[in-house]
N, C-alpha and C. Protein backbone atom coordinates (compact mmCIF):
# COMPACT_ATOMS: atom_id res chain seq x y z
N MET A 1 -37.73 130.04 140.41
CA MET A 1 -37.17 131.15 141.86
C MET A 1 -36.28 130.12 142.37
N LEU A 2 -36.86 128.84 142.54
CA LEU A 2 -35.97 128.11 143.54
C LEU A 2 -34.67 127.64 142.93
N TYR A 3 -34.86 127.29 141.25
CA TYR A 3 -33.21 127.53 140.70
C TYR A 3 -32.47 128.72 140.77
N LEU A 4 -32.71 129.76 140.81
CA LEU A 4 -31.97 130.95 141.19
C LEU A 4 -31.66 131.05 142.56
N PHE A 5 -32.59 130.82 143.66
CA PHE A 5 -32.13 130.56 144.87
C PHE A 5 -30.54 129.76 145.12
N VAL A 6 -31.06 128.50 144.57
CA VAL A 6 -29.95 127.76 144.93
C VAL A 6 -28.67 128.09 144.06
N ALA A 7 -28.65 128.62 142.81
CA ALA A 7 -27.46 129.07 141.95
C ALA A 7 -26.74 130.02 142.84
N LEU A 8 -27.57 131.05 143.48
CA LEU A 8 -26.84 132.19 144.19
C LEU A 8 -26.18 131.72 145.37
N THR A 9 -27.08 130.74 145.73
CA THR A 9 -26.24 129.93 146.96
C THR A 9 -25.16 129.34 146.82
N ASN A 10 -24.90 128.52 145.88
CA ASN A 10 -23.62 128.09 145.13
C ASN A 10 -22.71 129.07 145.23
N ILE A 11 -22.83 130.20 144.32
CA ILE A 11 -21.99 130.81 144.37
C ILE A 11 -21.38 131.63 145.43
N VAL A 12 -22.26 131.96 146.43
CA VAL A 12 -21.82 132.27 147.57
C VAL A 12 -21.20 131.60 148.62
N ALA A 13 -21.23 130.10 148.44
CA ALA A 13 -20.92 128.75 148.77
C ALA A 13 -19.40 129.05 148.28
N VAL A 14 -18.77 128.92 147.07
CA VAL A 14 -17.76 129.03 146.42
C VAL A 14 -16.96 129.98 147.09
N ASN A 15 -17.42 131.37 147.30
CA ASN A 15 -17.02 132.32 147.74
C ASN A 15 -16.27 132.04 149.11
N LEU A 16 -17.21 131.66 149.86
CA LEU A 16 -16.84 131.35 151.52
C LEU A 16 -15.81 130.26 151.41
N TYR A 17 -15.89 129.20 150.56
CA TYR A 17 -14.98 128.15 150.42
C TYR A 17 -13.70 128.48 150.32
N LEU A 18 -13.33 129.58 149.13
CA LEU A 18 -12.30 129.87 148.85
C LEU A 18 -11.73 130.74 150.28
N ALA A 19 -12.68 131.77 150.60
CA ALA A 19 -12.00 132.51 151.80
C ALA A 19 -11.72 131.80 153.31
N ILE A 20 -12.40 130.76 153.66
CA ILE A 20 -12.50 130.10 155.14
C ILE A 20 -11.53 128.75 154.79
N TYR A 21 -12.09 127.94 154.25
CA TYR A 21 -11.20 126.63 153.72
C TYR A 21 -9.86 126.75 153.27
N LYS A 22 -9.94 127.48 152.03
CA LYS A 22 -8.36 127.47 151.36
C LYS A 22 -7.79 128.40 151.67
N LYS A 23 -8.12 129.43 152.76
CA LYS A 23 -7.64 130.56 153.30
C LYS A 23 -6.97 131.55 151.89
N LEU A 24 -7.46 131.44 150.47
CA LEU A 24 -6.83 132.38 149.77
C LEU A 24 -8.13 133.63 149.67
N LEU A 25 -7.65 134.43 150.39
CA LEU A 25 -8.15 135.80 150.31
C LEU A 25 -8.58 136.65 149.28
N ARG A 26 -7.26 136.52 148.56
CA ARG A 26 -7.23 137.47 147.30
C ARG A 26 -8.48 136.80 146.40
N ALA A 27 -7.93 135.87 146.21
CA ALA A 27 -8.77 134.94 145.20
C ALA A 27 -10.57 134.86 145.50
N ALA A 28 -10.74 134.93 146.64
CA ALA A 28 -12.24 135.01 147.18
C ALA A 28 -12.50 136.80 146.63
N GLY A 29 -11.74 137.48 147.14
CA GLY A 29 -11.87 139.05 146.79
C GLY A 29 -12.23 138.92 145.41
N VAL A 30 -11.35 138.65 144.43
CA VAL A 30 -11.44 138.60 143.16
C VAL A 30 -12.93 138.03 142.54
N PHE A 31 -13.07 136.73 142.68
CA PHE A 31 -14.03 135.85 142.76
C PHE A 31 -15.50 136.82 142.97
N LEU A 32 -15.48 137.48 144.47
CA LEU A 32 -16.54 138.43 144.99
C LEU A 32 -16.73 139.54 143.86
N ALA A 33 -15.66 140.24 143.37
CA ALA A 33 -15.73 141.49 142.97
C ALA A 33 -16.08 141.14 141.35
N THR A 34 -15.58 139.83 140.57
CA THR A 34 -16.03 139.65 139.58
C THR A 34 -17.26 138.56 138.97
N VAL A 35 -17.66 137.88 140.05
CA VAL A 35 -18.97 136.84 139.92
C VAL A 35 -20.05 137.18 140.87
N THR A 36 -19.50 136.80 142.13
CA THR A 36 -20.35 136.93 143.04
C THR A 36 -21.60 138.41 143.08
N ILE A 37 -20.81 139.29 143.06
CA ILE A 37 -21.72 140.71 143.12
C ILE A 37 -22.28 141.01 141.77
N PRO A 38 -21.69 141.04 140.50
CA PRO A 38 -22.34 141.29 139.50
C PRO A 38 -23.65 139.71 139.34
N VAL A 39 -23.43 138.82 139.53
CA VAL A 39 -24.59 138.13 139.25
C VAL A 39 -25.62 138.29 140.38
N SER A 40 -25.44 138.70 141.56
CA SER A 40 -26.22 138.96 142.69
C SER A 40 -27.12 140.18 142.18
N PHE A 41 -26.59 141.00 141.27
CA PHE A 41 -27.15 142.21 141.01
C PHE A 41 -27.91 141.98 140.10
N VAL A 42 -27.63 141.17 138.88
CA VAL A 42 -28.68 140.95 137.78
C VAL A 42 -29.62 140.22 138.44
N SER A 43 -29.59 139.03 139.24
CA SER A 43 -30.46 138.44 139.69
C SER A 43 -31.83 138.93 140.39
N PHE A 44 -31.27 139.92 141.17
CA PHE A 44 -32.31 140.96 141.94
C PHE A 44 -33.25 141.51 141.03
N LEU A 45 -32.21 141.91 140.36
CA LEU A 45 -32.68 143.04 139.07
C LEU A 45 -34.15 142.43 138.51
N SER A 46 -33.55 141.09 138.00
CA SER A 46 -34.45 140.27 136.93
C SER A 46 -35.75 139.76 137.80
N VAL A 47 -35.54 139.61 139.19
CA VAL A 47 -36.69 139.11 140.52
C VAL A 47 -37.30 140.63 140.48
N SER A 48 -37.00 141.73 140.49
CA SER A 48 -37.61 142.71 141.08
C SER A 48 -38.48 143.09 139.50
N ASN A 49 -38.24 142.87 138.71
CA ASN A 49 -38.46 143.41 137.44
C ASN A 49 -39.75 142.14 137.05
N TYR A 50 -39.79 141.03 137.51
CA TYR A 50 -40.48 140.01 137.31
C TYR A 50 -41.68 140.22 138.35
N VAL A 51 -41.18 140.53 139.51
CA VAL A 51 -42.53 140.93 140.64
C VAL A 51 -43.36 142.07 140.50
N ASN A 52 -42.34 143.25 139.68
CA ASN A 52 -43.10 144.40 139.41
C ASN A 52 -43.88 144.50 138.06
N GLY A 53 -44.06 143.15 137.57
CA GLY A 53 -44.47 143.07 136.04
C GLY A 53 -43.69 143.62 134.79
N LEU A 54 -42.79 144.03 134.98
CA LEU A 54 -42.06 144.74 133.95
C LEU A 54 -41.24 144.15 133.14
N PRO A 55 -41.08 143.86 131.91
CA PRO A 55 -40.50 143.16 131.01
C PRO A 55 -38.89 143.37 130.87
N VAL A 56 -38.50 142.63 131.11
CA VAL A 56 -37.05 141.96 131.39
C VAL A 56 -36.37 142.36 129.84
N SER A 57 -35.92 143.38 129.65
CA SER A 57 -35.07 143.64 128.31
C SER A 57 -33.59 142.93 128.02
N LEU A 58 -33.39 142.29 126.81
CA LEU A 58 -32.50 141.51 126.63
C LEU A 58 -31.99 142.56 125.65
N PRO A 59 -30.83 142.34 125.52
CA PRO A 59 -29.57 143.21 124.60
C PRO A 59 -30.19 142.42 123.09
N PRO A 60 -29.90 143.54 122.00
CA PRO A 60 -30.26 142.80 120.86
C PRO A 60 -29.27 142.06 120.55
N LEU A 61 -28.97 140.84 119.83
CA LEU A 61 -28.21 140.00 119.66
C LEU A 61 -28.08 140.05 118.23
N PRO A 62 -27.09 139.69 117.36
CA PRO A 62 -27.27 139.49 116.15
C PRO A 62 -27.93 138.22 115.33
N ILE A 63 -28.06 138.53 114.21
CA ILE A 63 -28.90 136.98 113.49
C ILE A 63 -28.05 136.40 113.03
N VAL A 64 -27.53 135.09 113.43
CA VAL A 64 -26.36 134.30 112.75
C VAL A 64 -27.18 133.25 112.21
N PRO A 65 -26.73 133.00 110.93
CA PRO A 65 -27.23 132.02 109.88
C PRO A 65 -27.19 130.43 110.89
N VAL A 66 -28.00 129.67 110.55
CA VAL A 66 -27.86 127.94 111.02
C VAL A 66 -26.75 127.58 110.40
N GLU A 67 -25.99 127.86 109.37
CA GLU A 67 -25.08 127.24 108.64
C GLU A 67 -23.88 127.70 109.45
N SER A 68 -23.53 128.68 109.96
CA SER A 68 -22.36 129.04 110.47
C SER A 68 -22.36 128.40 112.03
N LEU A 69 -23.32 128.24 112.87
CA LEU A 69 -23.50 127.71 113.58
C LEU A 69 -22.52 126.76 114.37
N TYR A 70 -22.63 125.67 113.34
CA TYR A 70 -21.34 124.82 113.34
C TYR A 70 -20.17 125.16 113.65
N ILE A 71 -19.69 126.12 112.53
CA ILE A 71 -18.32 126.76 112.67
C ILE A 71 -17.92 127.39 114.09
N VAL A 72 -19.13 127.87 114.67
CA VAL A 72 -19.12 128.72 115.77
C VAL A 72 -19.10 127.23 117.24
N LEU A 73 -19.65 126.29 117.09
CA LEU A 73 -19.65 125.51 118.13
C LEU A 73 -18.32 124.75 117.87
N VAL A 74 -17.87 124.55 116.60
CA VAL A 74 -16.41 123.90 116.79
C VAL A 74 -15.42 124.52 117.18
N PHE A 75 -15.45 126.16 116.87
CA PHE A 75 -14.27 127.10 117.43
C PHE A 75 -14.65 126.99 119.00
N CYS A 76 -15.71 127.10 119.96
CA CYS A 76 -16.01 126.95 121.32
C CYS A 76 -15.03 125.88 121.63
N ALA A 77 -15.57 124.59 121.25
CA ALA A 77 -15.19 123.16 121.72
C ALA A 77 -13.72 123.19 121.47
N LEU A 78 -12.68 124.02 120.62
CA LEU A 78 -11.49 123.86 120.35
C LEU A 78 -11.01 124.84 121.49
N ILE A 79 -11.66 125.97 121.64
CA ILE A 79 -10.90 126.85 122.70
C ILE A 79 -11.23 126.20 123.93
N LEU A 80 -12.24 125.85 124.28
CA LEU A 80 -12.51 125.03 125.64
C LEU A 80 -11.58 123.93 125.79
N GLY A 81 -11.40 122.84 124.90
CA GLY A 81 -10.35 122.05 124.86
C GLY A 81 -8.96 122.48 124.92
N LEU A 82 -8.71 123.50 124.42
CA LEU A 82 -6.96 123.82 124.59
C LEU A 82 -6.94 124.99 126.14
N SER A 83 -8.19 125.15 126.64
CA SER A 83 -7.73 125.89 127.73
C SER A 83 -8.20 124.87 129.16
N ALA A 84 -8.54 123.35 128.99
CA ALA A 84 -8.79 122.52 129.50
C ALA A 84 -7.53 121.69 129.80
N VAL A 85 -6.83 121.54 128.57
CA VAL A 85 -5.55 120.79 128.84
C VAL A 85 -4.68 121.40 130.16
N PRO A 86 -4.21 122.57 130.11
CA PRO A 86 -3.46 122.89 131.33
C PRO A 86 -3.65 123.05 132.93
N SER A 87 -5.34 122.90 132.73
CA SER A 87 -5.87 122.73 134.31
C SER A 87 -5.85 121.27 134.42
N LEU A 88 -5.90 120.17 133.64
CA LEU A 88 -6.10 119.30 133.95
C LEU A 88 -4.60 118.55 133.95
N LYS A 89 -3.65 119.14 133.54
CA LYS A 89 -1.89 118.41 133.71
C LYS A 89 -1.32 119.68 134.02
N PRO A 90 -1.37 120.41 135.19
CA PRO A 90 -0.49 121.56 135.61
C PRO A 90 1.06 121.13 135.45
N GLN A 91 1.12 119.79 135.93
CA GLN A 91 2.59 119.53 135.84
C GLN A 91 3.44 119.82 134.41
N MET A 92 2.47 119.29 133.09
CA MET A 92 2.92 119.53 131.82
C MET A 92 3.30 121.10 131.43
N LEU A 93 2.23 121.85 132.24
CA LEU A 93 2.57 123.26 131.85
C LEU A 93 3.43 123.93 132.35
N ARG A 94 4.04 123.17 133.83
CA ARG A 94 5.02 123.76 134.36
C ARG A 94 6.58 123.27 133.82
N LYS A 95 6.74 122.06 133.15
CA LYS A 95 7.61 121.54 132.48
C LYS A 95 7.71 122.35 131.27
N MET A 96 6.82 122.54 130.82
CA MET A 96 6.90 123.27 129.53
C MET A 96 7.62 124.70 129.66
N PHE A 97 7.21 125.34 130.61
CA PHE A 97 7.30 126.79 131.00
C PHE A 97 9.03 126.61 131.44
N ALA A 98 9.66 125.76 132.38
CA ALA A 98 10.71 125.55 132.85
C ALA A 98 11.79 125.53 131.47
N THR A 99 11.17 124.25 130.64
CA THR A 99 12.30 124.31 129.51
C THR A 99 12.11 125.21 128.71
N HIS A 100 11.28 126.01 128.63
CA HIS A 100 11.22 127.22 127.86
C HIS A 100 12.34 128.32 128.63
N GLN A 101 12.24 128.46 130.11
CA GLN A 101 13.01 129.15 130.71
C GLN A 101 14.60 129.06 130.34
N LYS A 102 14.69 127.79 130.37
CA LYS A 102 16.40 126.91 130.22
C LYS A 102 16.72 127.49 128.95
N ARG A 103 15.81 127.35 127.82
CA ARG A 103 16.15 127.66 126.46
C ARG A 103 16.77 129.33 126.22
N GLN A 104 15.75 129.98 126.89
CA GLN A 104 15.98 131.46 126.88
C GLN A 104 17.08 131.94 127.42
N LEU A 105 17.63 131.17 128.65
CA LEU A 105 18.51 131.55 129.75
C LEU A 105 19.90 131.35 128.62
N ALA A 106 19.72 130.00 128.22
CA ALA A 106 21.19 129.48 127.36
C ALA A 106 21.18 130.39 126.12
N THR A 107 20.13 131.13 125.61
CA THR A 107 20.32 131.77 124.27
C THR A 107 20.73 133.45 125.16
N THR A 108 20.71 133.88 126.05
CA THR A 108 21.19 135.13 126.55
C THR A 108 22.36 135.20 127.39
N LEU A 109 22.59 134.08 127.91
CA LEU A 109 23.61 134.26 128.63
C LEU A 109 24.78 133.49 127.68
N PRO A 110 26.13 133.74 128.21
CA PRO A 110 27.55 133.59 127.42
C PRO A 110 27.43 131.86 127.48
N HIS A 111 28.09 131.18 126.73
CA HIS A 111 27.96 129.73 126.60
C HIS A 111 28.62 129.02 128.00
N SER A 112 29.50 129.78 128.84
CA SER A 112 30.26 129.03 129.99
C SER A 112 29.29 129.33 131.23
N ALA A 113 28.51 130.35 130.96
CA ALA A 113 27.68 130.69 132.01
C ALA A 113 26.16 129.79 131.89
N ALA A 114 25.93 129.36 130.69
CA ALA A 114 24.59 128.59 130.29
C ALA A 114 25.03 127.21 130.90
N ASP A 115 25.79 126.91 130.48
CA ASP A 115 26.50 125.56 130.62
C ASP A 115 27.36 125.16 131.80
N PRO A 116 27.09 124.72 132.88
CA PRO A 116 28.29 124.69 134.05
C PRO A 116 29.42 123.51 133.78
N LYS A 117 28.53 122.40 132.91
CA LYS A 117 29.62 121.22 132.71
C LYS A 117 30.64 122.15 131.82
N ASP A 118 30.12 122.40 130.97
CA ASP A 118 31.04 123.03 129.88
C ASP A 118 32.37 123.67 130.81
N ASP A 119 31.62 124.60 131.44
CA ASP A 119 32.85 125.45 132.49
C ASP A 119 33.76 124.64 132.87
N SER A 120 33.40 123.49 133.66
CA SER A 120 34.43 122.87 134.10
C SER A 120 35.36 121.98 133.57
N GLU A 121 34.90 121.62 132.15
CA GLU A 121 35.68 121.23 131.51
C GLU A 121 36.61 121.76 131.06
N THR A 122 36.80 123.03 130.60
CA THR A 122 37.10 124.22 130.00
C THR A 122 38.67 124.61 131.12
N LYS A 123 37.94 124.58 132.52
CA LYS A 123 38.89 124.47 133.48
C LYS A 123 39.92 123.51 133.67
N LYS A 124 39.51 122.13 133.21
CA LYS A 124 40.22 120.86 133.34
C LYS A 124 41.62 121.37 132.02
N GLU A 125 41.16 121.70 131.23
CA GLU A 125 41.88 121.73 130.05
C GLU A 125 43.06 123.31 130.10
N LYS A 126 42.70 123.96 131.00
CA LYS A 126 43.51 125.26 131.54
C LYS A 126 44.74 124.57 132.14
N GLY A 127 44.32 123.72 133.08
CA GLY A 127 45.10 123.10 134.07
C GLY A 127 46.06 121.99 133.30
N LYS A 128 46.05 121.32 132.63
CA LYS A 128 46.68 120.36 131.88
C LYS A 128 47.55 121.57 130.90
N GLY A 129 47.61 122.64 130.39
CA GLY A 129 48.45 123.29 129.64
C GLY A 129 48.18 123.67 128.25
N GLY A 130 46.80 123.33 128.07
CA GLY A 130 46.43 123.64 126.34
C GLY A 130 46.16 122.22 126.29
N GLU A 131 45.84 122.31 124.91
CA GLU A 131 44.90 120.98 124.08
C GLU A 131 45.85 119.90 124.21
N ASN A 132 47.16 119.92 123.93
CA ASN A 132 47.88 118.50 123.69
C ASN A 132 48.56 118.40 125.27
N GLY A 133 48.31 118.94 125.92
CA GLY A 133 48.44 118.48 127.42
C GLY A 133 50.46 119.26 127.44
N ASN A 134 50.94 119.71 126.57
CA ASN A 134 52.48 120.03 126.88
C ASN A 134 52.66 121.54 126.87
N GLY A 135 51.40 121.92 127.20
CA GLY A 135 51.63 123.61 127.47
C GLY A 135 52.12 124.74 126.24
N LEU A 136 51.59 123.92 125.35
CA LEU A 136 51.94 124.68 123.62
C LEU A 136 50.56 125.15 123.16
């Protein structure tokens, strides 16, 4: 019971931290709706069942062979690793997103609009009067 109380206190503390100290009211609201309230309801339901002597029913889980457990664990570790990289290095993610946007912009715009340096060189050539500079 003490562990459950500490866990619920930590969840509420994270919610208050987001709302008060970080001033992220939308994030705190999302966290409240997706984490705090469901965890609180499940906890109170479990405690009331325990106090009243009712068995806590668990959903039936599929039987997983032990041999496939390694594959599942490796797959979970791979997903965890791939999701941790952007959170540990957000500037890398921003850089990749910026280069992707530049590439996408370059393919959708005409050549002169995509590269301003090329546009200025084209204007210089027009001012000379042609390719060889004699106006022909």
